[in-house]
N, C-alpha and C. Protein backbone atom coordinates (compact mmCIF):
# COMPACT_ATOMS: atom_id res chain seq x y z
N MET A 1 0.82 -1.20 -0.01
CA MET A 1 0.00 0.01 0.00
C MET A 1 0.86 1.27 0.00
N ALA A 2 1.91 1.28 0.81
CA ALA A 2 2.77 2.47 0.88
C ALA A 2 3.51 2.70 -0.43
N LEU A 3 3.95 1.62 -1.07
CA LEU A 3 4.64 1.78 -2.36
C LEU A 3 3.72 2.39 -3.39
N ARG A 4 2.47 1.98 -3.38
CA ARG A 4 1.51 2.55 -4.33
C ARG A 4 1.19 4.01 -4.00
N SER A 5 1.18 4.34 -2.74
CA SER A 5 1.01 5.74 -2.36
C SER A 5 2.18 6.60 -2.84
N ILE A 6 3.38 6.08 -2.68
CA ILE A 6 4.56 6.80 -3.16
C ILE A 6 4.50 6.90 -4.70
N ALA A 7 4.03 5.85 -5.33
CA ALA A 7 3.89 5.89 -6.80
C ALA A 7 2.94 7.00 -7.22
N LEU A 8 1.86 7.17 -6.48
CA LEU A 8 0.92 8.24 -6.81
C LEU A 8 1.52 9.63 -6.59
N VAL A 9 2.38 9.74 -5.57
CA VAL A 9 3.09 11.01 -5.34
C VAL A 9 4.01 11.29 -6.52
N GLU A 10 4.67 10.26 -7.03
CA GLU A 10 5.56 10.44 -8.18
C GLU A 10 4.79 10.85 -9.44
N VAL A 11 3.62 10.28 -9.61
CA VAL A 11 2.77 10.69 -10.74
C VAL A 11 2.38 12.15 -10.57
N ALA A 12 2.04 12.55 -9.35
CA ALA A 12 1.69 13.95 -9.08
C ALA A 12 2.86 14.88 -9.40
N LYS A 13 4.07 14.49 -9.03
CA LYS A 13 5.25 15.31 -9.35
C LYS A 13 5.40 15.50 -10.85
N ALA A 14 5.22 14.42 -11.58
CA ALA A 14 5.33 14.49 -13.03
C ALA A 14 4.28 15.42 -13.61
N LEU A 15 3.06 15.29 -13.12
CA LEU A 15 1.98 16.13 -13.62
C LEU A 15 2.19 17.62 -13.28
N VAL A 16 2.66 17.89 -12.07
CA VAL A 16 2.92 19.28 -11.68
C VAL A 16 4.03 19.87 -12.58
N ALA A 17 5.07 19.11 -12.82
CA ALA A 17 6.15 19.60 -13.68
C ALA A 17 5.63 19.89 -15.08
N LEU A 18 4.82 18.98 -15.62
CA LEU A 18 4.27 19.20 -16.96
C LEU A 18 3.30 20.36 -16.99
N MET A 19 2.46 20.49 -15.96
CA MET A 19 1.52 21.60 -15.92
C MET A 19 2.28 22.92 -15.79
N ALA A 20 3.31 22.95 -14.97
CA ALA A 20 4.09 24.17 -14.80
C ALA A 20 4.81 24.53 -16.09
N ALA A 21 5.33 23.54 -16.78
CA ALA A 21 6.09 23.78 -18.01
C ALA A 21 5.22 24.15 -19.18
N THR A 22 3.92 23.89 -19.09
CA THR A 22 3.01 24.25 -20.18
C THR A 22 2.06 25.36 -19.79
N GLY A 23 2.02 25.70 -18.50
CA GLY A 23 1.12 26.74 -18.04
C GLY A 23 -0.32 26.27 -17.92
N ILE A 24 -0.53 24.98 -17.91
CA ILE A 24 -1.87 24.42 -17.84
C ILE A 24 -2.26 24.16 -16.39
N ALA A 25 -3.42 24.60 -16.02
CA ALA A 25 -3.99 24.23 -14.73
C ALA A 25 -5.35 23.61 -15.02
N LEU A 26 -5.62 22.47 -14.43
CA LEU A 26 -6.88 21.81 -14.68
C LEU A 26 -8.08 22.58 -14.15
N HIS A 27 -7.82 23.39 -13.14
CA HIS A 27 -8.89 24.17 -12.52
C HIS A 27 -8.23 25.42 -11.96
N GLU A 28 -8.92 26.55 -12.04
CA GLU A 28 -8.34 27.82 -11.59
C GLU A 28 -7.93 27.78 -10.11
N GLN A 29 -8.65 27.00 -9.30
CA GLN A 29 -8.29 26.93 -7.88
C GLN A 29 -6.98 26.20 -7.67
N LEU A 30 -6.54 25.42 -8.68
CA LEU A 30 -5.24 24.75 -8.60
C LEU A 30 -4.08 25.68 -8.94
N ARG A 31 -4.36 26.79 -9.61
CA ARG A 31 -3.30 27.70 -10.07
C ARG A 31 -2.38 28.13 -8.94
N PRO A 32 -2.88 28.58 -7.77
CA PRO A 32 -1.95 28.98 -6.68
C PRO A 32 -1.08 27.81 -6.19
N ILE A 33 -1.65 26.63 -6.15
CA ILE A 33 -0.88 25.45 -5.70
C ILE A 33 0.22 25.13 -6.71
N ILE A 34 -0.15 25.14 -8.00
CA ILE A 34 0.84 24.86 -9.04
C ILE A 34 1.91 25.92 -9.03
N ASP A 35 1.54 27.19 -8.85
CA ASP A 35 2.52 28.27 -8.81
C ASP A 35 3.49 28.09 -7.65
N ARG A 36 2.98 27.71 -6.47
CA ARG A 36 3.84 27.51 -5.30
C ARG A 36 4.76 26.32 -5.49
N LEU A 37 4.19 25.21 -6.01
CA LEU A 37 5.03 24.04 -6.27
C LEU A 37 6.04 24.33 -7.38
N SER A 38 5.64 25.12 -8.38
CA SER A 38 6.56 25.50 -9.45
C SER A 38 7.73 26.29 -8.88
N ALA A 39 7.42 27.22 -8.01
CA ALA A 39 8.47 28.00 -7.37
C ALA A 39 9.37 27.10 -6.53
N HIS A 40 8.76 26.14 -5.84
CA HIS A 40 9.54 25.21 -5.03
C HIS A 40 10.48 24.37 -5.90
N LEU A 41 10.00 24.04 -7.10
CA LEU A 41 10.82 23.25 -8.05
C LEU A 41 11.74 24.17 -8.86
N HIS A 42 11.78 25.46 -8.48
CA HIS A 42 12.59 26.46 -9.15
C HIS A 42 12.16 26.69 -10.59
N LEU A 43 10.88 26.55 -10.83
CA LEU A 43 10.27 26.94 -12.12
C LEU A 43 9.53 28.25 -11.86
N ASN A 44 10.28 29.30 -11.70
CA ASN A 44 9.76 30.60 -11.33
C ASN A 44 8.79 31.14 -12.37
N PRO A 45 7.52 31.37 -12.04
CA PRO A 45 6.55 31.86 -13.01
C PRO A 45 6.96 33.18 -13.65
N ALA A 46 7.66 34.06 -12.91
CA ALA A 46 8.05 35.35 -13.46
C ALA A 46 9.17 35.22 -14.49
N SER A 47 9.89 34.13 -14.49
CA SER A 47 11.04 33.98 -15.41
C SER A 47 10.61 33.50 -16.78
N GLY A 48 9.36 33.08 -16.92
CA GLY A 48 8.93 32.55 -18.22
C GLY A 48 9.18 31.06 -18.34
N ARG A 49 9.92 30.47 -17.43
CA ARG A 49 10.21 29.04 -17.51
C ARG A 49 8.99 28.14 -17.40
N PRO A 50 7.95 28.52 -16.63
CA PRO A 50 6.82 27.61 -16.55
C PRO A 50 6.19 27.30 -17.91
N LEU A 51 6.37 28.17 -18.86
CA LEU A 51 5.82 27.94 -20.19
C LEU A 51 6.89 27.35 -21.11
N THR A 52 7.90 26.73 -20.53
CA THR A 52 9.04 26.23 -21.26
C THR A 52 8.68 25.39 -22.46
N ILE A 53 7.83 24.44 -22.29
CA ILE A 53 7.48 23.53 -23.39
C ILE A 53 6.76 24.30 -24.50
N LEU A 54 5.84 25.16 -24.13
CA LEU A 54 5.11 25.92 -25.15
C LEU A 54 6.03 26.87 -25.90
N HIS A 55 6.94 27.55 -25.17
CA HIS A 55 7.87 28.46 -25.82
C HIS A 55 8.87 27.69 -26.70
N ALA A 56 9.26 26.51 -26.28
CA ALA A 56 10.21 25.72 -27.06
C ALA A 56 9.60 25.29 -28.41
N LEU A 57 8.29 25.17 -28.44
CA LEU A 57 7.63 24.79 -29.68
C LEU A 57 7.56 25.92 -30.70
N GLU A 58 7.88 27.12 -30.26
CA GLU A 58 7.89 28.25 -31.18
C GLU A 58 9.05 28.08 -32.17
N ALA A 59 8.90 28.62 -33.34
CA ALA A 59 9.89 28.45 -34.41
C ALA A 59 11.26 29.03 -34.06
N ASN A 60 11.31 30.10 -33.27
CA ASN A 60 12.58 30.75 -32.98
C ASN A 60 13.10 30.46 -31.56
N ALA A 61 12.71 29.33 -31.02
CA ALA A 61 13.14 29.00 -29.65
C ALA A 61 14.65 28.76 -29.62
N SER A 62 15.27 29.23 -28.55
CA SER A 62 16.71 29.05 -28.39
C SER A 62 17.04 27.63 -27.97
N ALA A 63 18.31 27.29 -28.14
CA ALA A 63 18.77 25.95 -27.73
C ALA A 63 18.61 25.79 -26.22
N HIS A 64 18.83 26.87 -25.49
CA HIS A 64 18.69 26.83 -24.02
C HIS A 64 17.25 26.47 -23.64
N LEU A 65 16.30 27.07 -24.32
CA LEU A 65 14.91 26.80 -24.03
C LEU A 65 14.55 25.35 -24.40
N TRP A 66 15.09 24.87 -25.50
CA TRP A 66 14.86 23.46 -25.87
C TRP A 66 15.42 22.54 -24.80
N LEU A 67 16.60 22.87 -24.26
CA LEU A 67 17.19 22.03 -23.20
C LEU A 67 16.34 22.04 -21.94
N LEU A 68 15.80 23.22 -21.60
CA LEU A 68 14.91 23.28 -20.44
C LEU A 68 13.66 22.44 -20.64
N ALA A 69 13.07 22.55 -21.83
CA ALA A 69 11.88 21.77 -22.14
C ALA A 69 12.19 20.28 -22.11
N LEU A 70 13.32 19.91 -22.68
CA LEU A 70 13.73 18.51 -22.67
C LEU A 70 13.96 18.03 -21.25
N GLY A 71 14.55 18.88 -20.42
CA GLY A 71 14.78 18.53 -19.01
C GLY A 71 13.47 18.26 -18.28
N VAL A 72 12.47 19.09 -18.52
CA VAL A 72 11.16 18.89 -17.87
C VAL A 72 10.55 17.58 -18.33
N LEU A 73 10.63 17.30 -19.63
CA LEU A 73 10.05 16.07 -20.17
C LEU A 73 10.79 14.83 -19.63
N VAL A 74 12.11 14.91 -19.54
CA VAL A 74 12.88 13.77 -18.99
C VAL A 74 12.54 13.58 -17.51
N TYR A 75 12.45 14.70 -16.76
CA TYR A 75 12.08 14.62 -15.35
C TYR A 75 10.72 13.94 -15.20
N ALA A 76 9.75 14.38 -15.98
CA ALA A 76 8.40 13.80 -15.88
C ALA A 76 8.41 12.34 -16.29
N ALA A 77 9.15 11.99 -17.33
CA ALA A 77 9.24 10.60 -17.78
C ALA A 77 9.86 9.71 -16.70
N LEU A 78 10.93 10.24 -16.06
CA LEU A 78 11.59 9.47 -15.01
C LEU A 78 10.64 9.26 -13.83
N ARG A 79 9.92 10.30 -13.45
CA ARG A 79 8.93 10.18 -12.35
C ARG A 79 7.86 9.15 -12.70
N LEU A 80 7.37 9.16 -13.94
CA LEU A 80 6.34 8.20 -14.34
C LEU A 80 6.90 6.78 -14.40
N LEU A 81 8.12 6.63 -14.87
CA LEU A 81 8.76 5.32 -14.89
C LEU A 81 8.94 4.78 -13.47
N GLU A 82 9.42 5.65 -12.58
CA GLU A 82 9.58 5.26 -11.18
C GLU A 82 8.22 4.88 -10.58
N ALA A 83 7.19 5.67 -10.88
CA ALA A 83 5.86 5.38 -10.34
C ALA A 83 5.35 4.01 -10.80
N ALA A 84 5.55 3.70 -12.08
CA ALA A 84 5.12 2.40 -12.60
C ALA A 84 5.88 1.28 -11.90
N GLY A 85 7.19 1.44 -11.75
CA GLY A 85 8.00 0.42 -11.07
C GLY A 85 7.58 0.23 -9.62
N LEU A 86 7.34 1.34 -8.92
CA LEU A 86 6.91 1.24 -7.52
C LEU A 86 5.53 0.58 -7.42
N TRP A 87 4.65 0.94 -8.33
CA TRP A 87 3.31 0.35 -8.33
C TRP A 87 3.39 -1.17 -8.45
N LEU A 88 4.35 -1.61 -9.29
CA LEU A 88 4.54 -3.06 -9.53
C LEU A 88 5.49 -3.71 -8.54
N GLY A 89 6.06 -2.92 -7.62
CA GLY A 89 6.94 -3.46 -6.58
C GLY A 89 8.30 -3.89 -7.09
N LYS A 90 8.83 -3.23 -8.11
CA LYS A 90 10.12 -3.59 -8.70
C LYS A 90 11.28 -3.03 -7.86
N ALA A 91 12.33 -3.84 -7.71
CA ALA A 91 13.48 -3.41 -6.91
C ALA A 91 14.18 -2.22 -7.53
N TRP A 92 14.29 -2.19 -8.87
CA TRP A 92 14.97 -1.06 -9.52
C TRP A 92 14.26 0.26 -9.23
N ALA A 93 12.95 0.21 -9.06
CA ALA A 93 12.19 1.43 -8.74
C ALA A 93 12.47 1.87 -7.32
N LEU A 94 12.69 0.91 -6.42
CA LEU A 94 13.07 1.29 -5.05
C LEU A 94 14.41 2.04 -5.07
N TRP A 95 15.35 1.56 -5.86
CA TRP A 95 16.65 2.23 -5.99
C TRP A 95 16.48 3.64 -6.54
N ILE A 96 15.74 3.78 -7.63
CA ILE A 96 15.53 5.09 -8.22
C ILE A 96 14.86 6.03 -7.22
N GLY A 97 13.84 5.53 -6.56
CA GLY A 97 13.10 6.35 -5.60
C GLY A 97 13.94 6.77 -4.40
N ALA A 98 14.69 5.81 -3.85
CA ALA A 98 15.53 6.12 -2.68
C ALA A 98 16.62 7.12 -3.05
N LEU A 99 17.24 6.92 -4.21
CA LEU A 99 18.29 7.83 -4.64
C LEU A 99 17.75 9.22 -4.95
N SER A 100 16.64 9.28 -5.67
CA SER A 100 16.12 10.60 -6.04
C SER A 100 15.60 11.34 -4.81
N ALA A 101 14.94 10.63 -3.90
CA ALA A 101 14.47 11.30 -2.68
C ALA A 101 15.66 11.75 -1.84
N GLY A 102 16.69 10.93 -1.75
CA GLY A 102 17.88 11.28 -0.97
C GLY A 102 18.63 12.46 -1.57
N ILE A 103 18.69 12.52 -2.89
CA ILE A 103 19.38 13.63 -3.55
C ILE A 103 18.70 14.97 -3.25
N TYR A 104 17.38 14.95 -3.17
CA TYR A 104 16.63 16.18 -2.94
C TYR A 104 16.73 16.68 -1.49
N LEU A 105 17.07 15.84 -0.54
CA LEU A 105 17.03 16.23 0.86
C LEU A 105 17.87 17.46 1.19
N PRO A 106 19.14 17.52 0.78
CA PRO A 106 19.90 18.75 1.10
C PRO A 106 19.28 20.01 0.51
N PHE A 107 18.75 19.90 -0.69
CA PHE A 107 18.11 21.06 -1.33
C PHE A 107 16.84 21.46 -0.59
N GLU A 108 16.12 20.45 -0.11
CA GLU A 108 14.89 20.73 0.64
C GLU A 108 15.20 21.43 1.97
N VAL A 109 16.29 21.02 2.63
CA VAL A 109 16.69 21.65 3.88
C VAL A 109 17.08 23.11 3.62
N VAL A 110 17.88 23.34 2.59
CA VAL A 110 18.27 24.71 2.24
C VAL A 110 17.04 25.56 1.93
N GLU A 111 16.12 24.98 1.18
CA GLU A 111 14.88 25.70 0.82
C GLU A 111 14.08 26.05 2.07
N LEU A 112 14.02 25.12 3.05
CA LEU A 112 13.30 25.38 4.29
C LEU A 112 13.96 26.49 5.09
N VAL A 113 15.30 26.52 5.10
CA VAL A 113 16.00 27.57 5.82
C VAL A 113 15.78 28.93 5.16
N LYS A 114 15.89 28.95 3.82
CA LYS A 114 15.74 30.22 3.08
C LYS A 114 14.29 30.70 3.03
N HIS A 115 13.37 29.79 2.84
CA HIS A 115 11.95 30.15 2.70
C HIS A 115 11.09 29.25 3.58
N PRO A 116 11.13 29.48 4.89
CA PRO A 116 10.33 28.63 5.78
C PRO A 116 8.84 28.78 5.50
N GLY A 117 8.18 27.66 5.57
CA GLY A 117 6.74 27.66 5.36
C GLY A 117 6.18 26.27 5.48
N ALA A 118 4.89 26.19 5.58
CA ALA A 118 4.22 24.90 5.76
C ALA A 118 4.44 23.98 4.57
N LEU A 119 4.33 24.52 3.34
CA LEU A 119 4.52 23.69 2.14
C LEU A 119 5.94 23.15 2.08
N THR A 120 6.91 24.00 2.32
CA THR A 120 8.31 23.59 2.29
C THR A 120 8.58 22.52 3.34
N ALA A 121 8.08 22.73 4.54
CA ALA A 121 8.27 21.75 5.61
C ALA A 121 7.57 20.44 5.29
N ALA A 122 6.37 20.52 4.74
CA ALA A 122 5.64 19.30 4.38
C ALA A 122 6.37 18.52 3.30
N LEU A 123 6.87 19.22 2.29
CA LEU A 123 7.61 18.53 1.22
C LEU A 123 8.89 17.88 1.75
N LEU A 124 9.58 18.56 2.66
CA LEU A 124 10.77 17.98 3.27
C LEU A 124 10.40 16.72 4.04
N CYS A 125 9.35 16.78 4.84
CA CYS A 125 8.91 15.62 5.63
C CYS A 125 8.53 14.46 4.72
N ILE A 126 7.82 14.76 3.63
CA ILE A 126 7.44 13.70 2.69
C ILE A 126 8.68 13.07 2.07
N ASN A 127 9.65 13.90 1.65
CA ASN A 127 10.86 13.34 1.05
C ASN A 127 11.66 12.51 2.04
N VAL A 128 11.74 12.96 3.29
CA VAL A 128 12.45 12.16 4.30
C VAL A 128 11.75 10.83 4.51
N ALA A 129 10.43 10.86 4.64
CA ALA A 129 9.68 9.62 4.85
C ALA A 129 9.84 8.68 3.66
N VAL A 130 9.79 9.20 2.44
CA VAL A 130 9.93 8.36 1.25
C VAL A 130 11.34 7.77 1.20
N ALA A 131 12.35 8.60 1.44
CA ALA A 131 13.73 8.11 1.39
C ALA A 131 13.96 7.01 2.43
N VAL A 132 13.48 7.22 3.64
CA VAL A 132 13.64 6.22 4.71
C VAL A 132 12.89 4.94 4.37
N TYR A 133 11.65 5.08 3.94
CA TYR A 133 10.84 3.91 3.64
C TYR A 133 11.42 3.09 2.51
N LEU A 134 11.84 3.74 1.43
CA LEU A 134 12.39 3.01 0.30
C LEU A 134 13.75 2.39 0.63
N THR A 135 14.56 3.10 1.40
CA THR A 135 15.85 2.55 1.82
C THR A 135 15.62 1.33 2.71
N TYR A 136 14.67 1.43 3.63
CA TYR A 136 14.33 0.27 4.47
C TYR A 136 13.86 -0.89 3.60
N GLY A 137 13.05 -0.59 2.58
CA GLY A 137 12.58 -1.64 1.67
C GLY A 137 13.73 -2.33 0.95
N LEU A 138 14.73 -1.56 0.55
CA LEU A 138 15.91 -2.15 -0.10
C LEU A 138 16.68 -3.04 0.87
N ILE A 139 16.85 -2.56 2.10
CA ILE A 139 17.56 -3.35 3.11
C ILE A 139 16.80 -4.64 3.43
N ALA A 140 15.48 -4.54 3.54
CA ALA A 140 14.68 -5.72 3.83
C ALA A 140 14.75 -6.73 2.69
N ARG A 141 14.73 -6.26 1.44
CA ARG A 141 14.84 -7.18 0.30
C ARG A 141 16.20 -7.87 0.29
N ARG A 142 17.24 -7.13 0.63
CA ARG A 142 18.57 -7.72 0.64
C ARG A 142 18.69 -8.76 1.74
N ALA A 143 18.06 -8.50 2.90
CA ALA A 143 18.11 -9.45 4.00
C ALA A 143 17.37 -10.74 3.65
N GLU A 144 16.30 -10.62 2.88
CA GLU A 144 15.52 -11.79 2.47
C GLU A 144 16.27 -12.66 1.46
N ALA A 145 17.10 -12.02 0.65
CA ALA A 145 17.78 -12.76 -0.42
C ALA A 145 18.91 -13.62 0.05
């Protein structure tokens, strides 16, 4: 059950990244949430980056913009791949999840220090819980083998 919950969180991350990169919100009440999560993911709405994919599709898009759009798409694809693997209980997905959650922890702590808030604290707590749970899952699988 917990792995599937984490998988759903990964799907949500992918969707938020794609919505931020295209400027799409499914509902106007979601716009403030997407904007805050976009800022947390360093997709600053004022910088024009949230529309990265749409701007990259323009005929005169710069190589830098294409790389940003490609980065968002790769990020979303990796999150969806990880989500599918976690949903199916695959060991490789535990590795990807534990590593990616662990990599984000220092950045989450810095973000909490620089911009304290409930959302930042909640995201840090979620990442810590995910990293610990997936690491424990890897250790438990190794002990069983």
